[in-house]
C-alpha cells in the first residue's frame, strides 16, 4: 500500500470505504454578554464564567462525495459507519492551554439523519472574547464522536485537559473492543465507531459579538474521521465448482499495536494518512480467529477472477463499487473487521477447505508498512480456481498531487 504524507490545510470530516464526508465548519458568532471569564491554564469553564455563546455549525452533506483517489469519482455513504451518537468539543488557547469552551451531547446527532447541519452552542470565556484581535491568542479545537468507556475504554469530560487529550489512547483492555480479543465485525447500534478531529494554532478573527475561527481568510473546518482502521475480506468461487468453506482468518503475531492515540499529532510525519500509535505499549502477541464462525457457504459467480484487483484497468473507486455491488447481489461473500491501526506490514493466513478435501492454507500480506491506518480500508480478495484459493491484495493508489484539495478516501 502506498500513500503520500501530504498535509491538508482544509480540514474536513471524512471517512473511508463508502462513507460520506462530514464537514465540521466552525462559525464563531458571539452574542452580547456581561460576565468575566477564567484565565486558569487548562482550567474548567463553569456555568457562571460567561454567557457568550460560541455557535458551531456542523455540516453533514447527504449527497455522494468526490473521492481523493486517482480520478474524480464518487463514493456512496455508509451511514452505519458515519453515525454520531455522542459528540464532544473542546476549545483551548494554543499557548496557555486555557479551556475557552466545552460542548457535550449524548443524544443521537441530527447529523445521522437527513438533516444537513446541526447548530451547536458553546459558552466561552468572556475575557478572551473581549480581547482585541491583534492580541487574541490562537486556539486549538478538539472534537471527539462516539468516544466513551464502553466502546473505546476512554472517559472524557469537561475536566479533561488539553495535555490529557493529546495523550488519550485507544488501547487494549479486558473488553478490547477494537483489538483481536473481541474483533468488531459490525458497527454497534447506538454506539458507533470512534471518530476524532483536531485543528491547532488557528487565529480567531473579528470583534465581539461576531468572531470566527480563521484559516487564511476562510472559515476553518475540523476533520472528524474514524479513528480505527477497517479490514475487508471478500470470497467467491466459480459457479458449479466444489463447495468452498472458510474455516478461519488470522493475523500474524506482533501485527497490531496495543495502543493508538485518539488524536493525530501535530508534527510531521503525522497527518491523516499515517498511523499515530504508542509503540512503547508493545504489540499483540495473540491472534485469535477473526471469524466467530466458519463461512460454510461462499457465493458463486461465473468469473471470479473479474473481482481481483488488477484484473482490468479500473480506477480504485470503481473497484470498490464492483466489490460492494457484487456482495449486494450475492456474487461475493465478504466480512468487515474494525481494528486498531498499525504501522506494521499487516499479514496473516486463511484456512480453507474445498469439497471433501483436506484443509489448506492461503497467506495474505500488504504491500508496504503502515498502510493499515485510521480511516483506511484494506481489501483482501480470495477466489477459488480449480483446487486452490487465490488471494489478491488490493494496493492503495498514491495520493493525487495537485493544487486542488481532494477529499480523503481509503485509496
Foldseek 3Di string as FASTA:
>chain_A
DDADLDFDQQAWADFAAQAFTKWFFFFFFWDDWDAAADDQALDFGDPRQIPIKGKTKTFQDQDWAFAQFPDGDTGHHDLLQVWFQKKKKWKAFFPRQYTFWIDIDRHGDCSSDNDGIDIDIITGGVVLQQDAQVPRGFMKMKMKTLDDCVQQNDHDDSSQTPVNLQVAKRFDDPPRNFAAVQWDFGADPSRHAIWMWMDHRFGWDDHPSGIAGDDPNDRHTIYIYGQWFKEKEKEEEAPPFFFKKWAFWKWAWQWAARIFRRYWDDDPPTDQQFGGTDCVRGTGGDIDTNDPGMRRGWFHDHDLVVLFPPPDDDIPVVSSVVRVVCVVVRHMDMIMTIHHFGQAFIKTWIWMATHPDDIDIDIDTADHGGLRGTSAYWYWYWYDDDGDIDIHTHHGGYGDDDPDDGGHYND
